[in-house]
C-alpha atoms as a PDB file:
ATOM      1  CA  MET A   1       0.163  -0.213  -0.224  1.00  0.00           C
ATOM      2  CA  ALA A   2       3.131   2.289  -0.277  1.00  0.00           C
ATOM      3  CA  GLY A   3       2.339   5.790  -1.842  1.00  0.00           C
ATOM      4  CA  CYS A   4      -1.296   5.182  -0.720  1.00  0.00           C
ATOM      5  CA  THR A   5      -3.162   8.370   1.308  1.00  0.00           C
ATOM      6  CA  VAL A   6      -5.223   6.658   4.007  1.00  0.00           C
ATOM      7  CA  GLY A   7      -7.262   9.474   5.663  1.00  0.00           C
ATOM      8  CA  TYR A   8     -10.861   8.941   5.733  1.00  0.00           C
ATOM      9  CA  GLY A   9     -10.952  11.016   8.513  1.00  0.00           C
ATOM     10  CA  THR A  10      -9.331  10.312  12.219  1.00  0.00           C
ATOM     11  CA  PRO A  11      -9.773   7.589  14.136  1.00  0.00           C
ATOM     12  CA  ALA A  12     -13.070   8.780  16.037  1.00  0.00           C
ATOM     13  CA  ARG A  13     -12.921   8.739  19.987  1.00  0.00           C
ATOM     14  CA  LEU A  14     -15.304   6.309  21.689  1.00  0.00           C
ATOM     15  CA  SER A  15     -16.592   7.862  25.081  1.00  0.00           C
ATOM     16  CA  THR A  16     -17.319   5.474  27.599  1.00  0.00           C
ATOM     17  CA  SER A  17     -20.476   6.057  30.042  1.00  0.00           C
ATOM     18  CA  LEU A  18     -22.076   3.417  32.439  1.00  0.00           C
ATOM     19  CA  PRO A  19     -21.169  -0.093  32.727  1.00  0.00           C
ATOM     20  CA  PRO A  20     -23.770  -2.883  32.039  1.00  0.00           C
ATOM     21  CA  LEU A  21     -27.157  -3.558  33.411  1.00  0.00           C
ATOM     22  CA  HIS A  22     -28.989  -6.167  33.485  1.00  0.00           C
ATOM     23  CA  ALA A  23     -32.458  -6.929  34.322  1.00  0.00           C
ATOM     24  CA  ARG A  24     -35.550  -9.775  34.239  1.00  0.00           C
ATOM     25  CA  SER A  25     -38.866 -10.259  34.972  1.00  0.00           C
ATOM     26  CA  GLY A  26     -39.562 -12.479  38.023  1.00  0.00           C
ATOM     27  CA  GLY A  27     -42.672 -13.549  39.786  1.00  0.00           C
ATOM     28  CA  GLU A  28     -45.159 -10.346  40.163  1.00  0.00           C
ATOM     29  CA  ALA A  29     -42.824  -8.150  40.284  1.00  0.00           C
ATOM     30  CA  SER A  30     -39.753  -7.010  38.377  1.00  0.00           C
ATOM     31  CA  VAL A  31     -36.275  -8.350  39.555  1.00  0.00           C
ATOM     32  CA  VAL A  32     -33.941  -5.677  38.662  1.00  0.00           C
ATOM     33  CA  VAL A  33     -29.929  -6.780  39.335  1.00  0.00           C
ATOM     34  CA  ILE A  34     -27.902  -3.294  39.119  1.00  0.00           C
ATOM     35  CA  SER A  35     -24.670  -4.321  38.698  1.00  0.00           C
ATOM     36  CA  LEU A  36     -24.110  -0.625  37.050  1.00  0.00           C
ATOM     37  CA  PHE A  37     -22.678   1.205  40.100  1.00  0.00           C
ATOM     38  CA  GLY A  38     -18.930   0.819  39.431  1.00  0.00           C
ATOM     39  CA  GLY A  39     -16.726   3.101  41.828  1.00  0.00           C
ATOM     40  CA  LYS A  40     -16.829   5.062  44.685  1.00  0.00           C
ATOM     41  CA  GLY A  41     -20.298   4.796  47.082  1.00  0.00           C
ATOM     42  CA  LEU A  42     -21.217   1.998  45.663  1.00  0.00           C
ATOM     43  CA  CYS A  43     -24.544   1.163  47.314  1.00  0.00           C
ATOM     44  CA  LEU A  44     -26.787  -0.273  45.430  1.00  0.00           C
ATOM     45  CA  ALA A  45     -25.051  -3.283  43.695  1.00  0.00           C
ATOM     46  CA  HIS A  46     -27.384  -6.606  43.204  1.00  0.00           C
ATOM     47  CA  ARG A  47     -30.336  -4.842  45.112  1.00  0.00           C
ATOM     48  CA  VAL A  48     -33.590  -6.207  44.253  1.00  0.00           C
ATOM     49  CA  LEU A  49     -35.805  -3.589  43.635  1.00  0.00           C
ATOM     50  CA  GLY A  50     -40.054  -4.250  43.505  1.00  0.00           C
ATOM     51  CA  GLN A  51     -39.930  -7.569  45.495  1.00  0.00           C
ATOM     52  CA  THR A  52     -38.412  -6.396  49.255  1.00  0.00           C
ATOM     53  CA  GLY A  53     -40.666  -3.995  49.939  1.00  0.00           C
ATOM     54  CA  THR A  54     -38.099  -1.647  50.901  1.00  0.00           C
ATOM     55  CA  GLY A  55     -38.583   1.019  48.411  1.00  0.00           C
ATOM     56  CA  LEU A  56     -36.902   4.388  49.077  1.00  0.00           C
ATOM     57  CA  GLN A  57     -36.470   3.385  52.634  1.00  0.00           C
ATOM     58  CA  GLY A  58     -34.289   0.516  51.925  1.00  0.00           C
ATOM     59  CA  LEU A  59     -32.189   3.463  49.932  1.00  0.00           C
ATOM     60  CA  MET A  60     -32.004   5.730  52.658  1.00  0.00           C
ATOM     61  CA  ALA A  61     -30.088   2.970  55.035  1.00  0.00           C
ATOM     62  CA  ASP A  62     -27.780   2.155  52.251  1.00  0.00           C
ATOM     63  CA  GLY A  63     -27.131   5.754  52.330  1.00  0.00           C
ATOM     64  CA  VAL A  64     -28.477   7.182  49.183  1.00  0.00           C
ATOM     65  CA  VAL A  65     -30.721   9.623  50.637  1.00  0.00           C
ATOM     66  CA  HIS A  66     -29.843  11.782  54.041  1.00  0.00           C
ATOM     67  CA  ALA A  67     -32.216  11.316  56.819  1.00  0.00           C
ATOM     68  CA  GLY A  68     -34.069  14.304  57.466  1.00  0.00           C
ATOM     69  CA  GLY A  69     -32.152  16.472  54.863  1.00  0.00           C
ATOM     70  CA  ARG A  70     -31.220  17.096  51.474  1.00  0.00           C
ATOM     71  CA  PRO A  71     -29.508  14.272  49.497  1.00  0.00           C
ATOM     72  CA  SER A  72     -25.747  14.488  48.653  1.00  0.00           C
ATOM     73  CA  HIS A  73     -24.498  14.780  45.454  1.00  0.00           C
ATOM     74  CA  GLU A  74     -22.956  11.893  45.552  1.00  0.00           C
ATOM     75  CA  ALA A  75     -26.000  10.294  46.454  1.00  0.00           C
ATOM     76  CA  ALA A  76     -28.117  12.188  43.622  1.00  0.00           C
ATOM     77  CA  GLU A  77     -26.057  10.924  41.216  1.00  0.00           C
ATOM     78  CA  GLU A  78     -26.631   7.603  42.380  1.00  0.00           C
ATOM     79  CA  LEU A  79     -30.408   8.210  42.771  1.00  0.00           C
ATOM     80  CA  ASP A  80     -30.194   9.244  39.123  1.00  0.00           C
ATOM     81  CA  ARG A  81     -28.272   6.072  37.790  1.00  0.00           C
ATOM     82  CA  THR A  82     -31.031   4.145  39.992  1.00  0.00           C
ATOM     83  CA  VAL A  83     -33.734   5.897  37.920  1.00  0.00           C
ATOM     84  CA  ILE A  84     -32.397   4.906  35.000  1.00  0.00           C
ATOM     85  CA  ALA A  85     -31.336   1.489  35.567  1.00  0.00           C
ATOM     86  CA  VAL A  86     -35.510   0.729  36.954  1.00  0.00           C
ATOM     87  CA  ALA A  87     -36.789   2.550  33.943  1.00  0.00           C
ATOM     88  CA  THR A  88     -34.584   0.463  31.884  1.00  0.00           C
ATOM     89  CA  ALA A  89     -35.812  -2.595  33.395  1.00  0.00           C
ATOM     90  CA  GLU A  90     -39.610  -2.065  33.321  1.00  0.00           C
ATOM     91  CA  PHE A  91     -39.570  -0.089  29.867  1.00  0.00           C
ATOM     92  CA  MET A  92     -37.984  -3.640  28.792  1.00  0.00           C
ATOM     93  CA  ARG A  93     -40.447  -5.882  30.580  1.00  0.00           C
ATOM     94  CA  GLY A  94     -43.804  -4.207  29.936  1.00  0.00           C
ATOM     95  CA  GLY A  95     -43.262  -1.614  27.204  1.00  0.00           C
ATOM     96  CA  TYR A  96     -43.096   1.748  26.280  1.00  0.00           C
ATOM     97  CA  ALA A  97     -47.064   2.346  26.585  1.00  0.00           C
ATOM     98  CA  ALA A  98     -47.740   0.077  29.287  1.00  0.00           C
ATOM     99  CA  THR A  99     -44.835   1.636  31.822  1.00  0.00           C
ATOM    100  CA  SER A 100     -46.346   4.677  33.348  1.00  0.00           C
ATOM    101  CA  VAL A 101     -43.707   6.996  35.613  1.00  0.00           C
ATOM    102  CA  GLU A 102     -46.334   6.370  38.415  1.00  0.00           C
ATOM    103  CA  HIS A 103     -45.273   2.530  38.238  1.00  0.00           C
ATOM    104  CA  ILE A 104     -41.217   3.455  37.612  1.00  0.00           C
ATOM    105  CA  ALA A 105     -42.001   5.544  40.978  1.00  0.00           C
ATOM    106  CA  LYS A 106     -43.676   3.033  42.842  1.00  0.00           C
ATOM    107  CA  VAL A 107     -40.689   0.415  42.532  1.00  0.00           C
ATOM    108  CA  ILE A 108     -37.735   2.998  43.619  1.00  0.00           C
ATOM    109  CA  GLY A 109     -40.001   4.005  46.096  1.00  0.00           C
ATOM    110  CA  CYS A 110     -40.034   7.604  45.177  1.00  0.00           C
ATOM    111  CA  SER A 111     -42.121   9.972  44.253  1.00  0.00           C
ATOM    112  CA  LYS A 112     -43.230  11.105  40.991  1.00  0.00           C
ATOM    113  CA  ALA A 113     -42.002  14.453  41.334  1.00  0.00           C
ATOM    114  CA  THR A 114     -38.670  13.441  41.816  1.00  0.00           C
ATOM    115  CA  ILE A 115     -38.581  11.771  38.514  1.00  0.00           C
ATOM    116  CA  TYR A 116     -40.059  14.779  36.647  1.00  0.00           C
ATOM    117  CA  ARG A 117     -37.556  16.883  38.320  1.00  0.00           C
ATOM    118  CA  ARG A 118     -34.842  15.009  36.275  1.00  0.00           C
ATOM    119  CA  TYR A 119     -36.706  14.173  33.273  1.00  0.00           C
ATOM    120  CA  PRO A 120     -39.962  16.081  32.201  1.00  0.00           C
ATOM    121  CA  SER A 121     -41.724  13.196  30.416  1.00  0.00           C
ATOM    122  CA  LYS A 122     -42.364   9.592  30.013  1.00  0.00           C
ATOM    123  CA  LYS A 123     -40.448  10.205  26.786  1.00  0.00           C
ATOM    124  CA  GLU A 124     -37.700  11.858  27.904  1.00  0.00           C
ATOM    125  CA  LEU A 125     -36.796   9.114  30.229  1.00  0.00           C
ATOM    126  CA  PHE A 126     -36.778   7.014  27.634  1.00  0.00           C
ATOM    127  CA  ARG A 127     -35.024   9.113  26.083  1.00  0.00           C
ATOM    128  CA  ALA A 128     -32.447   8.970  28.454  1.00  0.00           C
ATOM    129  CA  VAL A 129     -33.024   5.114  29.073  1.00  0.00           C
ATOM    130  CA  VAL A 130     -31.848   5.174  24.646  1.00  0.00           C
ATOM    131  CA  HIS A 131     -28.649   7.110  25.443  1.00  0.00           C
ATOM    132  CA  GLU A 132     -27.428   4.756  28.366  1.00  0.00           C
ATOM    133  CA  ARG A 133     -27.818   1.668  26.142  1.00  0.00           C
ATOM    134  CA  CYS A 134     -25.826   3.671  22.925  1.00  0.00           C
ATOM    135  CA  GLN A 135     -23.166   5.094  25.787  1.00  0.00           C
ATOM    136  CA  HIS A 136     -22.892   1.053  27.153  1.00  0.00           C
ATOM    137  CA  MET A 137     -22.472  -0.057  23.205  1.00  0.00           C
ATOM    138  CA  VAL A 138     -20.040   2.647  22.822  1.00  0.00           C
ATOM    139  CA  ALA A 139     -17.409   1.532  25.958  1.00  0.00           C
ATOM    140  CA  ILE A 140     -17.827  -2.193  25.397  1.00  0.00           C
ATOM    141  CA  LEU A 141     -16.746  -1.605  21.408  1.00  0.00           C
ATOM    142  CA  HIS A 142     -14.079   0.430  22.465  1.00  0.00           C
ATOM    143  CA  ASN A 143     -12.516  -1.300  25.398  1.00  0.00           C
ATOM    144  CA  GLN A 144     -10.155  -3.803  23.585  1.00  0.00           C
ATOM    145  CA  SER A 145     -10.208  -2.428  19.597  1.00  0.00           C
ATOM    146  CA  GLY A 146      -8.447   0.434  20.306  1.00  0.00           C
ATOM    147  CA  GLY A 147      -5.226  -1.515  21.386  1.00  0.00           C
ATOM    148  CA  ILE A 148      -5.186  -3.900  18.474  1.00  0.00           C
ATOM    149  CA  ALA A 149      -2.992  -2.741  15.795  1.00  0.00           C
ATOM    150  CA  ASP A 150      -3.803  -4.965  12.441  1.00  0.00           C
ATOM    151  CA  PRO A 151      -6.759  -2.723  10.790  1.00  0.00           C
ATOM    152  CA  MET A 152      -8.503  -6.095   9.518  1.00  0.00           C
ATOM    153  CA  ASP A 153      -8.305  -7.574  13.253  1.00  0.00           C
ATOM    154  CA  ALA A 154      -9.666  -4.901  14.788  1.00  0.00           C
ATOM    155  CA  ILE A 155     -12.507  -4.977  12.366  1.00  0.00           C
ATOM    156  CA  LYS A 156     -13.255  -8.682  13.056  1.00  0.00           C
ATOM    157  CA  ASP A 157     -13.002  -7.603  17.085  1.00  0.00           C
ATOM    158  CA  MET A 158     -15.289  -4.378  16.661  1.00  0.00           C
ATOM    159  CA  LEU A 159     -17.989  -6.408  14.948  1.00  0.00           C
ATOM    160  CA  ARG A 160     -18.314  -9.723  17.443  1.00  0.00           C
ATOM    161  CA  ARG A 161     -18.696  -6.810  19.876  1.00  0.00           C
ATOM    162  CA  PHE A 162     -21.493  -5.392  18.613  1.00  0.00           C
ATOM    163  CA  LEU A 163     -23.203  -9.238  17.523  1.00  0.00           C
ATOM    164  CA  ASP A 164     -22.941  -9.720  21.161  1.00  0.00           C
ATOM    165  CA  PHE A 165     -24.706  -6.408  22.274  1.00  0.00           C
ATOM    166  CA  LEU A 166     -27.036  -6.602  19.808  1.00  0.00           C
ATOM    167  CA  LEU A 167     -28.458  -9.868  21.410  1.00  0.00           C
ATOM    168  CA  VAL A 168     -28.756  -8.626  24.654  1.00  0.00           C
ATOM    169  CA  PRO A 169     -32.447  -8.576  26.056  1.00  0.00           C
ATOM    170  CA  GLU A 170     -31.730  -4.565  26.784  1.00  0.00           C
ATOM    171  CA  THR A 171     -30.771  -3.995  23.423  1.00  0.00           C
ATOM    172  CA  VAL A 172     -33.467  -6.015  21.321  1.00  0.00           C
ATOM    173  CA  GLU A 173     -36.030  -4.633  23.531  1.00  0.00           C
ATOM    174  CA  THR A 174     -34.802  -1.033  22.748  1.00  0.00           C
ATOM    175  CA  TYR A 175     -34.718  -1.482  19.108  1.00  0.00           C
ATOM    176  CA  ARG A 176     -38.127  -2.968  19.564  1.00  0.00           C
ATOM    177  CA  ILE A 177     -40.385  -0.244  21.038  1.00  0.00           C
ATOM    178  CA  LEU A 178     -38.516   2.167  18.718  1.00  0.00           C
ATOM    179  CA  ILE A 179     -39.829   0.269  15.754  1.00  0.00           C
ATOM    180  CA  MET A 180     -43.274   0.178  16.926  1.00  0.00           C
ATOM    181  CA  ASP A 181     -43.566   3.418  17.016  1.00  0.00           C
ATOM    182  CA  CYS A 182     -40.935   4.888  14.889  1.00  0.00           C
ATOM    183  CA  GLN A 183     -43.030   8.355  14.340  1.00  0.00           C
ATOM    184  CA  GLN A 184     -43.594   9.298  17.713  1.00  0.00           C
ATOM    185  CA  PHE A 185     -39.549   8.511  18.481  1.00  0.00           C
ATOM    186  CA  ALA A 186     -38.119   9.811  15.758  1.00  0.00           C
ATOM    187  CA  SER A 187     -35.848  12.766  17.375  1.00  0.00           C
ATOM    188  CA  ILE A 188     -34.889   9.451  19.653  1.00  0.00           C
ATOM    189  CA  THR A 189     -33.987   7.513  16.886  1.00  0.00           C
ATOM    190  CA  ALA A 190     -32.012  10.445  15.356  1.00  0.00           C
ATOM    191  CA  ASP A 191     -30.306  10.684  18.808  1.00  0.00           C
ATOM    192  CA  LEU A 192     -29.448   7.230  18.327  1.00  0.00           C
ATOM    193  CA  ASP A 193     -27.908   7.909  15.061  1.00  0.00           C
ATOM    194  CA  ARG A 194     -25.997  10.326  16.455  1.00  0.00           C
ATOM    195  CA  ALA A 195     -24.872   8.611  19.947  1.00  0.00           C
ATOM    196  CA  ILE A 196     -23.767   5.538  17.350  1.00  0.00           C
ATOM    197  CA  GLU A 197     -21.554   7.954  14.688  1.00  0.00           C
ATOM    198  CA  PRO A 198     -18.400   7.350  16.354  1.00  0.00           C
ATOM    199  CA  LEU A 199     -18.677   3.926  16.187  1.00  0.00           C
ATOM    200  CA  HIS A 200     -19.353   3.768  12.409  1.00  0.00           C
ATOM    201  CA  GLN A 201     -16.392   6.272  12.067  1.00  0.00           C
ATOM    202  CA  ARG A 202     -13.787   4.139  13.613  1.00  0.00           C
ATOM    203  CA  MET A 203     -15.296   1.017  11.469  1.00  0.00           C
ATOM    204  CA  THR A 204     -14.974   3.209   8.070  1.00  0.00           C
ATOM    205  CA  TYR A 205     -11.737   4.454   9.037  1.00  0.00           C
ATOM    206  CA  LEU A 206     -10.016   0.610  10.029  1.00  0.00           C
ATOM    207  CA  LEU A 207     -11.758  -0.022   6.642  1.00  0.00           C
ATOM    208  CA  GLY A 208      -9.957   2.678   5.017  1.00  0.00           C
ATOM    209  CA  GLN A 209      -6.967   1.040   6.064  1.00  0.00           C
ATOM    210  CA  VAL A 210      -7.199  -2.078   5.532  1.00  0.00           C
ATOM    211  CA  LEU A 211      -8.179  -1.182   1.806  1.00  0.00           C
ATOM    212  CA  GLY A 212      -5.590   1.381   1.115  1.00  0.00           C
ATOM    213  CA  TRP A 213      -7.208   3.563  -1.469  1.00  0.00           C
ATOM    214  CA  PRO A 214      -6.426   6.664  -2.002  1.00  0.00           C
ATOM    215  CA  ASP A 215      -8.443   9.642   0.649  1.00  0.00           C
ATOM    216  CA  THR A 216     -11.045  11.357  -2.041  1.00  0.00           C
ATOM    217  CA  PRO A 217     -14.385  12.197  -1.634  1.00  0.00           C
ATOM    218  CA  ALA A 218     -15.601   9.200  -3.802  1.00  0.00           C
ATOM    219  CA  ASN A 219     -13.366   6.666  -2.408  1.00  0.00           C
ATOM    220  CA  ARG A 220     -14.632   7.654   1.310  1.00  0.00           C
ATOM    221  CA  ALA A 221     -17.997   7.466   0.025  1.00  0.00           C
ATOM    222  CA  GLU A 222     -17.827   4.055  -1.086  1.00  0.00           C
ATOM    223  CA  VAL A 223     -16.039   2.816   2.205  1.00  0.00           C
ATOM    224  CA  ALA A 224     -18.736   4.494   3.929  1.00  0.00           C
ATOM    225  CA  MET A 225     -21.359   1.744   1.923  1.00  0.00           C
ATOM    226  CA  LEU A 226     -19.114  -1.123   2.007  1.00  0.00           C
ATOM    227  CA  GLU A 227     -18.671  -0.562   6.122  1.00  0.00           C
ATOM    228  CA  MET A 228     -22.675  -0.388   6.064  1.00  0.00           C
ATOM    229  CA  SER A 229     -22.856  -3.609   3.924  1.00  0.00           C
ATOM    230  CA  LEU A 230     -20.255  -5.831   5.747  1.00  0.00           C
ATOM    231  CA  ARG A 231     -22.069  -4.936   9.133  1.00  0.00           C
ATOM    232  CA  GLY A 232     -25.245  -5.762   7.947  1.00  0.00           C
ATOM    233  CA  LEU A 233     -23.917  -8.674   6.928  1.00  0.00           C
ATOM    234  CA  VAL A 234     -22.615 -10.072  10.350  1.00  0.00           C
ATOM    235  CA  THR A 235     -25.603  -8.506  12.240  1.00  0.00           C
ATOM    236  CA  GLY A 236     -28.678  -8.561  10.091  1.00  0.00           C
ATOM    237  CA  TRP A 237     -30.114 -11.529  10.255  1.00  0.00           C
ATOM    238  CA  PRO A 238     -29.290 -12.209  14.264  1.00  0.00           C
ATOM    239  CA  LEU A 239     -31.129  -8.916  15.074  1.00  0.00           C
ATOM    240  CA  HIS A 240     -33.938  -9.842  12.820  1.00  0.00           C
ATOM    241  CA  GLN A 241     -34.396 -13.149  14.158  1.00  0.00           C
ATOM    242  CA  MET A 242     -34.340 -11.805  17.919  1.00  0.00           C
ATOM    243  CA  LEU A 243     -36.965  -9.030  16.682  1.00  0.00           C
ATOM    244  CA  SER A 244     -39.568 -11.545  15.362  1.00  0.00           C
ATOM    245  CA  GLY A 245     -39.055 -13.016  18.905  1.00  0.00           C
ATOM    246  CA  HIS A 246     -36.835 -16.191  17.948  1.00  0.00           C
ATOM    247  CA  LYS A 247     -33.791 -17.319  19.385  1.00  0.00           C
ATOM    248  CA  PRO A 248     -31.431 -16.974  16.431  1.00  0.00           C
ATOM    249  CA  PHE A 249     -28.772 -19.191  18.379  1.00  0.00           C
ATOM    250  CA  LYS A 250     -29.347 -22.560  20.049  1.00  0.00           C
ATOM    251  CA  SER A 251     -25.506 -22.449  21.949  1.00  0.00           C
ATOM    252  CA  ASP A 252     -22.547 -20.048  21.818  1.00  0.00           C
ATOM    253  CA  GLU A 253     -21.077 -22.831  19.732  1.00  0.00           C
ATOM    254  CA  ASP A 254     -23.485 -22.139  17.257  1.00  0.00           C
ATOM    255  CA  LYS A 255     -22.924 -18.284  17.302  1.00  0.00           C
ATOM    256  CA  ASP A 256     -19.572 -18.272  16.763  1.00  0.00           C
ATOM    257  CA  ARG A 257     -19.863 -20.605  13.653  1.00  0.00           C
ATOM    258  CA  PHE A 258     -21.934 -18.121  12.126  1.00  0.00           C
ATOM    259  CA  PHE A 259     -19.428 -15.112  12.812  1.00  0.00           C
ATOM    260  CA  GLU A 260     -16.787 -17.072  11.903  1.00  0.00           C
ATOM    261  CA  ALA A 261     -18.747 -17.769   8.433  1.00  0.00           C
ATOM    262  CA  SER A 262     -19.997 -14.114   7.991  1.00  0.00           C
ATOM    263  CA  TRP A 263     -16.309 -13.090   8.645  1.00  0.00           C
ATOM    264  CA  ASN A 264     -14.911 -15.432   6.343  1.00  0.00           C
ATOM    265  CA  VAL A 265     -17.648 -13.882   3.524  1.00  0.00           C
ATOM    266  CA  LEU A 266     -16.439 -10.049   4.975  1.00  0.00           C
ATOM    267  CA  ALA A 267     -12.956 -10.828   4.720  1.00  0.00           C
ATOM    268  CA  SER A 268     -13.106 -12.183   0.926  1.00  0.00           C
ATOM    269  CA  ALA A 269     -15.278  -9.242   0.092  1.00  0.00           C
ATOM    270  CA  VAL A 270     -12.468  -6.983   1.217  1.00  0.00           C
ATOM    271  CA  ARG A 271     -10.239  -8.999  -0.170  1.00  0.00           C
ATOM    272  CA  VAL A 272     -11.629  -8.525  -3.679  1.00  0.00           C
ATOM    273  CA  ARG A 273     -12.210  -5.310  -3.434  1.00  0.00           C
ATOM    274  CA  ILE A 274      -7.998  -4.311  -2.685  1.00  0.00           C
ATOM    275  CA  ALA A 275      -7.887  -6.597  -5.851  1.00  0.00           C
ATOM    276  CA  SER A 276      -9.961  -4.606  -7.881  1.00  0.00           C
ATOM    277  CA  GLY A 277      -9.051  -1.097  -6.845  1.00  0.00           C
ATOM    278  CA  PRO A 278     -10.895   1.819  -5.871  1.00  0.00           C
ATOM    279  CA  PRO A 279     -14.057   3.213  -8.038  1.00  0.00           C
ATOM    280  CA  ALA A 280     -11.610   6.664  -8.665  1.00  0.00           C
END
């Protein structure tokens, strides 16, 4: 690739935010395992909400709210994370339309006013949930791929992480809600697209390095189109199956075989494009 000017922008800086949220439903109430509160002031790890009956009193006992006074800045931040965690679990369990702010407040054990002070409407609360999902996706994709020297290996690593993330139930249910009422959530979908744009930029940059084409507007457009096509090759069918209510893989071994088969097709397509050269 000597003599080629490989640009396609600079490697996008992928920001990181909250670690993962795991939620499931059980019995009559939603069981929320909150494992996302890393770092200083961890008070709510693996708290089961909605079944213990502790509500906000239990949170007070853990130090989230100071009895008889205003919460500290740290406590307020933890409460913010609790609202997002519980809202995520309840939206995923019951869907957007069937989940009220009143219900989310009841599960937490706080007042509706506590939530509305942070988010003026249920839609804005759901927007925050989608944003948290996006930030989590960007974080897990950035954790390892940035340290891989070979661009093809970095692309493979990012695609595998992206596939794993898409198959997480919280991610699937978020997509399902957005699709079911796409007109109502048009602005949230646009926010999602903007939030994950650095990921696409990073993938396009890496693919540009692999192809080694001169950095021209026509070549940049071709690389971006190729990146979207190749990403869809790996993720399109599994996500469609999940959104349709089907389990795409019976085991992790099946998922591994699917990914390797898809990757072989993708790598072959890249080799063909290298041999055929740039469009302009």
